[in-house]
């Protein structure tokens, strides 16, 4: 019975020590992104559905970033872009989207 109590006490102390160490170290800083100096704007093609209009605008944005001198494929990820703006204009027949964002790479 005494051995079980000692084992539990040692385990509890080990867990508390690990937690204290993690708190003392603090959060790990996120990797800083390297971003372009100017935002890129790309227009998609008109589409019957908003989701396809967005996909087309995003694809055109990525293509424009890849083709821009000094940027390239490592910057062409919409999810990493900063200061993004997704504007979609809907009419009776279709939707057209325009995406603007500052390309960034990890």
Protein backbone atom coordinates (compact mmCIF):
# COMPACT_ATOMS: atom_id res chain seq x y z
CA UNK A 1 0.00 0.00 0.00
CA UNK A 2 2.83 2.39 0.90
CA UNK A 3 4.62 1.60 -2.39
CA UNK A 4 1.55 2.60 -4.43
CA UNK A 5 1.32 5.90 -2.56
CA UNK A 6 5.02 6.62 -3.13
CA UNK A 7 4.70 5.81 -6.84
CA UNK A 8 1.71 8.13 -7.20
CA UNK A 9 3.53 10.91 -5.34
CA UNK A 10 6.59 10.58 -7.58
CA UNK A 11 4.42 10.59 -10.71
CA UNK A 12 2.49 13.64 -9.53
CA UNK A 13 5.73 15.50 -8.78
CA UNK A 14 7.10 14.61 -12.22
CA UNK A 15 3.96 15.91 -13.92
CA UNK A 16 4.01 19.13 -11.88
CA UNK A 17 7.69 19.62 -12.69
CA UNK A 18 7.01 19.18 -16.40
CA UNK A 19 4.15 21.68 -16.27
CA UNK A 20 6.30 24.19 -14.37
CA UNK A 21 9.05 23.81 -16.97
CA UNK A 22 6.62 24.42 -19.85
CA UNK A 23 5.21 27.50 -18.12
CA UNK A 24 8.72 28.84 -17.45
CA UNK A 25 9.75 28.38 -21.09
CA UNK A 26 6.65 30.20 -22.31
CA UNK A 27 5.00 29.85 -25.69
CA UNK A 28 7.15 29.13 -28.70
CA UNK A 29 7.26 32.07 -31.09
CA UNK A 30 5.63 31.57 -34.47
CA UNK A 31 7.88 31.64 -37.49
CA UNK A 32 7.95 35.07 -39.06
CA UNK A 33 6.66 35.28 -42.60
CA UNK A 34 8.57 37.03 -45.34
CA UNK A 35 6.08 39.11 -47.32
CA UNK A 36 6.18 41.02 -50.58
CA UNK A 37 6.24 44.81 -50.52
CA UNK A 38 3.07 45.24 -52.59
CA UNK A 39 -0.29 43.49 -52.63
CA UNK A 40 -1.38 41.53 -55.68
CA UNK A 41 -4.91 41.85 -57.09
CA UNK A 42 -6.45 39.27 -59.40
CA UNK A 43 -9.89 39.00 -60.93
CA UNK A 44 -11.62 35.69 -61.59
CA UNK A 45 -14.04 34.86 -64.36
CA UNK A 46 -17.81 35.18 -64.02
CA UNK A 47 -19.37 32.03 -62.65
CA UNK A 48 -22.86 30.80 -61.95
CA UNK A 49 -21.89 29.83 -58.37
CA UNK A 50 -20.08 31.97 -55.78
CA UNK A 51 -17.79 29.14 -54.68
CA UNK A 52 -16.49 28.61 -58.22
CA UNK A 53 -16.08 32.37 -58.71
CA UNK A 54 -13.93 32.42 -55.55
CA UNK A 55 -11.90 29.41 -56.70
CA UNK A 56 -11.22 31.07 -60.05
CA UNK A 57 -10.14 34.36 -58.44
CA UNK A 58 -7.87 32.50 -56.02
CA UNK A 59 -6.32 30.49 -58.86
CA UNK A 60 -5.71 33.67 -60.88
CA UNK A 61 -4.17 35.35 -57.82
CA UNK A 62 -1.81 32.42 -57.35
CA UNK A 63 -0.86 32.44 -61.04
CA UNK A 64 -0.19 36.19 -60.95
CA UNK A 65 2.02 35.82 -57.86
CA UNK A 66 4.00 32.98 -59.47
CA UNK A 67 4.52 35.14 -62.59
CA UNK A 68 5.60 38.23 -60.63
CA UNK A 69 9.34 38.88 -60.71
CA UNK A 70 10.95 38.40 -57.30
CA UNK A 71 8.11 36.30 -55.90
CA UNK A 72 7.36 32.91 -57.42
CA UNK A 73 5.70 29.72 -56.22
CA UNK A 74 6.82 29.98 -52.59
CA UNK A 75 4.71 33.14 -52.22
CA UNK A 76 1.66 31.81 -54.08
CA UNK A 77 -0.32 30.46 -51.13
CA UNK A 78 -3.53 32.38 -50.43
CA UNK A 79 -3.74 30.96 -46.90
CA UNK A 80 -0.41 32.62 -46.00
CA UNK A 81 -1.23 35.96 -47.64
CA UNK A 82 -1.65 38.94 -45.32
CA UNK A 83 -4.17 41.81 -45.49
CA UNK A 84 -6.44 39.81 -47.75
CA UNK A 85 -9.64 41.08 -49.31
CA UNK A 86 -12.15 38.87 -51.12
CA UNK A 87 -14.73 40.94 -53.00
CA UNK A 88 -17.48 39.22 -54.90
CA UNK A 89 -20.04 40.96 -57.06
CA UNK A 90 -23.26 39.07 -57.70
CA UNK A 91 -25.63 39.78 -60.54
CA UNK A 92 -28.75 38.04 -61.79
CA UNK A 93 -26.79 35.61 -63.96
CA UNK A 94 -23.40 35.17 -62.28
CA UNK A 95 -20.84 36.10 -59.63
CA UNK A 96 -17.42 37.66 -60.18
CA UNK A 97 -14.74 37.79 -57.46
CA UNK A 98 -11.65 39.95 -57.05
CA UNK A 99 -8.97 38.86 -54.57
CA UNK A 100 -6.29 41.15 -53.17
CA UNK A 101 -3.58 40.05 -50.79
CA UNK A 102 0.02 40.58 -49.75
CA UNK A 103 1.91 37.42 -50.79
CA UNK A 104 4.01 35.84 -48.02
CA UNK A 105 6.29 32.82 -47.73
CA UNK A 106 7.35 30.92 -44.63
